[in-house]
C-alpha atoms as a PDB file:
ATOM      1  CA  UNK A   1       6.994 -27.076  34.901  1.00  0.00           C
ATOM      2  CA  UNK A   2       4.237 -29.435  33.736  1.00  0.00           C
ATOM      3  CA  UNK A   3       4.178 -30.782  30.182  1.00  0.00           C
ATOM      4  CA  UNK A   4       1.724 -28.949  27.872  1.00  0.00           C
ATOM      5  CA  UNK A   5      -0.823 -31.089  25.989  1.00  0.00           C
ATOM      6  CA  UNK A   6       0.575 -31.929  22.546  1.00  0.00           C
ATOM      7  CA  UNK A   7      -2.122 -30.621  20.239  1.00  0.00           C
ATOM      8  CA  UNK A   8      -2.726 -27.860  17.731  1.00  0.00           C
ATOM      9  CA  UNK A   9      -4.533 -24.688  18.746  1.00  0.00           C
ATOM     10  CA  UNK A  10      -6.269 -22.153  16.503  1.00  0.00           C
ATOM     11  CA  UNK A  11      -5.621 -18.508  17.355  1.00  0.00           C
ATOM     12  CA  UNK A  12      -8.008 -15.958  15.814  1.00  0.00           C
ATOM     13  CA  UNK A  13      -7.714 -12.167  15.759  1.00  0.00           C
ATOM     14  CA  UNK A  14     -10.368  -9.655  14.729  1.00  0.00           C
ATOM     15  CA  UNK A  15     -11.117  -5.964  15.036  1.00  0.00           C
ATOM     16  CA  UNK A  16     -14.659  -4.789  15.731  1.00  0.00           C
ATOM     17  CA  UNK A  17     -16.316  -1.425  16.346  1.00  0.00           C
ATOM     18  CA  UNK A  18     -18.237  -0.924  19.541  1.00  0.00           C
ATOM     19  CA  UNK A  19     -21.716   0.342  18.676  1.00  0.00           C
ATOM     20  CA  UNK A  20     -24.094   2.249  20.933  1.00  0.00           C
ATOM     21  CA  UNK A  21     -27.051   0.130  21.986  1.00  0.00           C
ATOM     22  CA  UNK A  22     -29.570   2.939  21.464  1.00  0.00           C
ATOM     23  CA  UNK A  23     -30.302   5.326  18.624  1.00  0.00           C
ATOM     24  CA  UNK A  24     -29.093   5.194  15.034  1.00  0.00           C
ATOM     25  CA  UNK A  25     -25.673   5.635  13.511  1.00  0.00           C
ATOM     26  CA  UNK A  26     -25.587   6.972   9.950  1.00  0.00           C
ATOM     27  CA  UNK A  27     -22.220   7.099   8.247  1.00  0.00           C
ATOM     28  CA  UNK A  28     -20.603   7.142   4.825  1.00  0.00           C
ATOM     29  CA  UNK A  29     -17.592   5.432   6.331  1.00  0.00           C
ATOM     30  CA  UNK A  30     -16.757   1.976   4.987  1.00  0.00           C
ATOM     31  CA  UNK A  31     -17.656  -1.002   7.141  1.00  0.00           C
ATOM     32  CA  UNK A  32     -14.362  -2.682   6.241  1.00  0.00           C
ATOM     33  CA  UNK A  33     -12.315  -3.199   9.415  1.00  0.00           C
ATOM     34  CA  UNK A  34      -8.813  -1.747   9.654  1.00  0.00           C
ATOM     35  CA  UNK A  35      -7.493  -5.191  10.608  1.00  0.00           C
ATOM     36  CA  UNK A  36      -8.768  -8.089   8.524  1.00  0.00           C
ATOM     37  CA  UNK A  37      -9.772 -11.128  10.583  1.00  0.00           C
ATOM     38  CA  UNK A  38      -6.914 -13.635  10.761  1.00  0.00           C
ATOM     39  CA  UNK A  39      -6.600 -17.212  11.924  1.00  0.00           C
ATOM     40  CA  UNK A  40      -3.492 -19.343  12.392  1.00  0.00           C
ATOM     41  CA  UNK A  41      -2.973 -22.872  13.698  1.00  0.00           C
ATOM     42  CA  UNK A  42      -0.035 -23.526  15.989  1.00  0.00           C
ATOM     43  CA  UNK A  43       1.193 -26.376  18.186  1.00  0.00           C
ATOM     44  CA  UNK A  44       0.525 -25.706  21.870  1.00  0.00           C
ATOM     45  CA  UNK A  45       3.593 -23.976  23.379  1.00  0.00           C
ATOM     46  CA  UNK A  46       5.106 -23.079  19.969  1.00  0.00           C
ATOM     47  CA  UNK A  47       5.253 -19.796  18.028  1.00  0.00           C
ATOM     48  CA  UNK A  48       3.469 -18.939  14.771  1.00  0.00           C
ATOM     49  CA  UNK A  49       3.483 -15.911  12.493  1.00  0.00           C
ATOM     50  CA  UNK A  50       1.420 -14.789   9.519  1.00  0.00           C
ATOM     51  CA  UNK A  51       2.140 -11.836   7.215  1.00  0.00           C
ATOM     52  CA  UNK A  52      -0.064 -10.575   4.411  1.00  0.00           C
ATOM     53  CA  UNK A  53       0.731  -7.439   2.462  1.00  0.00           C
ATOM     54  CA  UNK A  54       1.645  -5.764  -0.761  1.00  0.00           C
ATOM     55  CA  UNK A  55       4.209  -3.295  -1.982  1.00  0.00           C
ATOM     56  CA  UNK A  56       3.076  -0.505  -4.297  1.00  0.00           C
ATOM     57  CA  UNK A  57       5.325   1.546  -6.550  1.00  0.00           C
ATOM     58  CA  UNK A  58       4.243   5.181  -6.713  1.00  0.00           C
ATOM     59  CA  UNK A  59       5.431   7.743  -9.244  1.00  0.00           C
ATOM     60  CA  UNK A  60       5.227  11.396  -8.342  1.00  0.00           C
ATOM     61  CA  UNK A  61       6.341  14.742  -9.721  1.00  0.00           C
ATOM     62  CA  UNK A  62       9.424  15.906  -7.842  1.00  0.00           C
ATOM     63  CA  UNK A  63       9.954  19.205  -9.693  1.00  0.00           C
ATOM     64  CA  UNK A  64       8.805  21.191 -12.727  1.00  0.00           C
ATOM     65  CA  UNK A  65      10.910  23.765 -14.567  1.00  0.00           C
ATOM     66  CA  UNK A  66      10.032  26.215 -17.318  1.00  0.00           C
ATOM     67  CA  UNK A  67      12.264  28.632 -19.192  1.00  0.00           C
ATOM     68  CA  UNK A  68      11.388  31.432 -21.590  1.00  0.00           C
ATOM     69  CA  UNK A  69      13.995  33.441 -23.425  1.00  0.00           C
ATOM     70  CA  UNK A  70      13.627  36.056 -26.126  1.00  0.00           C
ATOM     71  CA  UNK A  71      16.098  38.189 -28.063  1.00  0.00           C
ATOM     72  CA  UNK A  72      15.322  41.118 -30.331  1.00  0.00           C
ATOM     73  CA  UNK A  73      17.846  42.957 -32.499  1.00  0.00           C
ATOM     74  CA  UNK A  74      17.703  44.874 -35.794  1.00  0.00           C
ATOM     75  CA  UNK A  75      14.020  44.131 -36.353  1.00  0.00           C
ATOM     76  CA  UNK A  76      14.472  40.376 -35.845  1.00  0.00           C
ATOM     77  CA  UNK A  77      12.973  38.648 -32.793  1.00  0.00           C
ATOM     78  CA  UNK A  78      13.839  35.173 -31.593  1.00  0.00           C
ATOM     79  CA  UNK A  79      12.185  33.383 -28.687  1.00  0.00           C
ATOM     80  CA  UNK A  80      12.687  30.015 -27.064  1.00  0.00           C
ATOM     81  CA  UNK A  81      10.478  28.113 -24.646  1.00  0.00           C
ATOM     82  CA  UNK A  82      11.573  24.963 -22.837  1.00  0.00           C
ATOM     83  CA  UNK A  83      10.643  23.025 -19.783  1.00  0.00           C
ATOM     84  CA  UNK A  84      11.116  19.802 -17.919  1.00  0.00           C
ATOM     85  CA  UNK A  85       9.449  17.565 -15.406  1.00  0.00           C
ATOM     86  CA  UNK A  86      11.459  15.475 -12.964  1.00  0.00           C
ATOM     87  CA  UNK A  87       9.681  12.345 -11.735  1.00  0.00           C
ATOM     88  CA  UNK A  88      10.571  10.255  -8.727  1.00  0.00           C
ATOM     89  CA  UNK A  89       9.548   6.751  -7.694  1.00  0.00           C
ATOM     90  CA  UNK A  90       8.960   5.486  -4.174  1.00  0.00           C
ATOM     91  CA  UNK A  91       7.540   2.271  -2.725  1.00  0.00           C
ATOM     92  CA  UNK A  92       4.838   2.022  -0.076  1.00  0.00           C
ATOM     93  CA  UNK A  93       3.899  -1.059   1.885  1.00  0.00           C
ATOM     94  CA  UNK A  94       0.516  -2.035   3.254  1.00  0.00           C
ATOM     95  CA  UNK A  95      -0.600  -5.134   5.108  1.00  0.00           C
ATOM     96  CA  UNK A  96      -0.516  -6.812   8.453  1.00  0.00           C
ATOM     97  CA  UNK A  97       1.455  -9.379  10.373  1.00  0.00           C
ATOM     98  CA  UNK A  98       0.645 -11.320  13.499  1.00  0.00           C
ATOM     99  CA  UNK A  99       2.854 -13.397  15.781  1.00  0.00           C
ATOM    100  CA  UNK A 100       1.389 -15.587  18.507  1.00  0.00           C
ATOM    101  CA  UNK A 101       2.751 -17.936  21.161  1.00  0.00           C
ATOM    102  CA  UNK A 102      -0.053 -19.747  23.024  1.00  0.00           C
ATOM    103  CA  UNK A 103       0.493 -21.927  26.118  1.00  0.00           C
ATOM    104  CA  UNK A 104      -2.469 -23.948  27.342  1.00  0.00           C
ATOM    105  CA  UNK A 105      -2.015 -26.297  30.329  1.00  0.00           C
ATOM    106  CA  UNK A 106      -5.194 -28.233  29.420  1.00  0.00           C
ATOM    107  CA  UNK A 107      -8.592 -28.912  30.930  1.00  0.00           C
ATOM    108  CA  UNK A 108     -10.593 -25.764  31.742  1.00  0.00           C
ATOM    109  CA  UNK A 109      -7.555 -23.632  32.478  1.00  0.00           C
ATOM    110  CA  UNK A 110      -6.769 -20.264  30.910  1.00  0.00           C
ATOM    111  CA  UNK A 111      -4.605 -19.967  27.801  1.00  0.00           C
ATOM    112  CA  UNK A 112      -1.636 -17.591  28.053  1.00  0.00           C
ATOM    113  CA  UNK A 113      -0.949 -15.958  24.688  1.00  0.00           C
ATOM    114  CA  UNK A 114       1.911 -13.700  23.654  1.00  0.00           C
ATOM    115  CA  UNK A 115       0.594 -11.542  20.792  1.00  0.00           C
ATOM    116  CA  UNK A 116       2.288  -9.134  18.384  1.00  0.00           C
ATOM    117  CA  UNK A 117       0.192  -7.389  15.721  1.00  0.00           C
ATOM    118  CA  UNK A 118       1.525  -4.883  13.172  1.00  0.00           C
ATOM    119  CA  UNK A 119      -0.520  -3.095  10.501  1.00  0.00           C
ATOM    120  CA  UNK A 120       0.552  -0.739   7.723  1.00  0.00           C
ATOM    121  CA  UNK A 121      -2.016   1.170   5.662  1.00  0.00           C
ATOM    122  CA  UNK A 122      -1.812   3.450   2.644  1.00  0.00           C
ATOM    123  CA  UNK A 123      -4.661   5.930   2.108  1.00  0.00           C
ATOM    124  CA  UNK A 124      -6.275   6.460  -1.293  1.00  0.00           C
ATOM    125  CA  UNK A 125      -4.305   8.711  -3.612  1.00  0.00           C
ATOM    126  CA  UNK A 126      -5.877  12.102  -4.279  1.00  0.00           C
ATOM    127  CA  UNK A 127      -4.429  14.057  -7.187  1.00  0.00           C
ATOM    128  CA  UNK A 128      -0.687  14.180  -7.600  1.00  0.00           C
ATOM    129  CA  UNK A 129       0.204  14.066  -3.889  1.00  0.00           C
ATOM    130  CA  UNK A 130       1.543  10.885  -2.362  1.00  0.00           C
ATOM    131  CA  UNK A 131      -0.989   9.151  -0.109  1.00  0.00           C
ATOM    132  CA  UNK A 132      -0.561   9.149   3.650  1.00  0.00           C
ATOM    133  CA  UNK A 133       0.872   6.072   5.315  1.00  0.00           C
ATOM    134  CA  UNK A 134       0.102   4.922   8.841  1.00  0.00           C
ATOM    135  CA  UNK A 135       1.120   1.998  10.992  1.00  0.00           C
ATOM    136  CA  UNK A 136       0.199   0.560  14.355  1.00  0.00           C
ATOM    137  CA  UNK A 137       1.632  -2.088  16.624  1.00  0.00           C
ATOM    138  CA  UNK A 138       0.343  -4.015  19.623  1.00  0.00           C
ATOM    139  CA  UNK A 139       2.582  -6.269  21.715  1.00  0.00           C
ATOM    140  CA  UNK A 140       1.069  -7.906  24.777  1.00  0.00           C
ATOM    141  CA  UNK A 141       0.688 -11.101  26.801  1.00  0.00           C
ATOM    142  CA  UNK A 142      -2.814 -12.034  27.950  1.00  0.00           C
ATOM    143  CA  UNK A 143      -4.678 -14.861  29.634  1.00  0.00           C
ATOM    144  CA  UNK A 144      -7.916 -15.916  27.994  1.00  0.00           C
ATOM    145  CA  UNK A 145     -10.553 -18.578  28.531  1.00  0.00           C
ATOM    146  CA  UNK A 146     -10.550 -21.167  25.753  1.00  0.00           C
ATOM    147  CA  UNK A 147     -13.139 -20.453  23.036  1.00  0.00           C
ATOM    148  CA  UNK A 148     -14.058 -16.901  24.137  1.00  0.00           C
ATOM    149  CA  UNK A 149     -13.275 -13.551  22.468  1.00  0.00           C
ATOM    150  CA  UNK A 150     -11.113 -11.340  24.692  1.00  0.00           C
ATOM    151  CA  UNK A 151     -10.308  -7.672  24.025  1.00  0.00           C
ATOM    152  CA  UNK A 152      -6.547  -7.100  24.059  1.00  0.00           C
ATOM    153  CA  UNK A 153      -6.477  -3.447  22.875  1.00  0.00           C
ATOM    154  CA  UNK A 154      -8.869  -0.601  22.062  1.00  0.00           C
ATOM    155  CA  UNK A 155      -8.773   2.799  20.363  1.00  0.00           C
ATOM    156  CA  UNK A 156     -11.207   5.726  20.224  1.00  0.00           C
ATOM    157  CA  UNK A 157     -13.917   6.522  22.691  1.00  0.00           C
ATOM    158  CA  UNK A 158     -17.217   4.834  23.385  1.00  0.00           C
ATOM    159  CA  UNK A 159     -20.325   6.388  21.881  1.00  0.00           C
ATOM    160  CA  UNK A 160     -22.520   7.680  24.669  1.00  0.00           C
ATOM    161  CA  UNK A 161     -25.590   8.441  22.619  1.00  0.00           C
ATOM    162  CA  UNK A 162     -28.759   9.145  24.559  1.00  0.00           C
ATOM    163  CA  UNK A 163     -32.172   8.027  23.281  1.00  0.00           C
ATOM    164  CA  UNK A 164     -33.856  10.779  21.255  1.00  0.00           C
ATOM    165  CA  UNK A 165     -30.613  12.761  20.806  1.00  0.00           C
ATOM    166  CA  UNK A 166     -29.303  13.055  17.255  1.00  0.00           C
ATOM    167  CA  UNK A 167     -25.889  14.373  16.422  1.00  0.00           C
ATOM    168  CA  UNK A 168     -23.817  15.191  13.373  1.00  0.00           C
ATOM    169  CA  UNK A 169     -20.607  14.471  15.286  1.00  0.00           C
ATOM    170  CA  UNK A 170     -17.922  12.610  13.365  1.00  0.00           C
ATOM    171  CA  UNK A 171     -18.044   8.842  13.770  1.00  0.00           C
ATOM    172  CA  UNK A 172     -14.266   8.670  13.246  1.00  0.00           C
ATOM    173  CA  UNK A 173     -13.805   8.425  17.008  1.00  0.00           C
ATOM    174  CA  UNK A 174     -15.772   5.182  17.291  1.00  0.00           C
ATOM    175  CA  UNK A 175     -14.256   2.693  19.714  1.00  0.00           C
ATOM    176  CA  UNK A 176     -12.433  -0.138  17.935  1.00  0.00           C
ATOM    177  CA  UNK A 177     -11.606  -3.319  19.812  1.00  0.00           C
ATOM    178  CA  UNK A 178      -8.819  -5.752  18.918  1.00  0.00           C
ATOM    179  CA  UNK A 179      -9.876  -9.189  20.082  1.00  0.00           C
ATOM    180  CA  UNK A 180      -8.313 -12.648  20.288  1.00  0.00           C
ATOM    181  CA  UNK A 181      -9.824 -16.113  20.671  1.00  0.00           C
ATOM    182  CA  UNK A 182      -8.066 -19.460  21.119  1.00  0.00           C
ATOM    183  CA  UNK A 183      -9.721 -22.696  20.088  1.00  0.00           C
ATOM    184  CA  UNK A 184      -8.672 -26.297  20.717  1.00  0.00           C
ATOM    185  CA  UNK A 185     -10.232 -28.113  17.732  1.00  0.00           C
END
């Protein structure tokens, strides 16, 4: 096997939404991508990883109890009211981690990149219920031309909006593309 050029490479990851080329899209959805753009430098042929996240402590009501008791005898009445709330604490993690292993033989040849991307999200908390958690993972090996964005994964469906046709359909099914680019600075 030939020796790889000894130089640092920059590996970038981003997530973008595919937008229809005609018509208008009106949405109250945030434009913040699910995966924040990331960039890591790594020696050609070596592995690199980057993790960014936070742990949140959440308190929630596990149970509520109430008791009422009353006693009446000989014209005397006694009553008692008591109650209790039992709280619980849990931790939730959000963030993302990427692991990359690029191999570039040099010149105008393709870069082979092993990629692993993991994301954990915690929804906004509404009321006393714990927020929903979700996670996703992509593990793949791809070949990419140096300096060009390449789609390595996608979710959702493409928007096939026809000119002059307006719809109130949910935009939540927009196609999201996970892309990678390798640079040799």
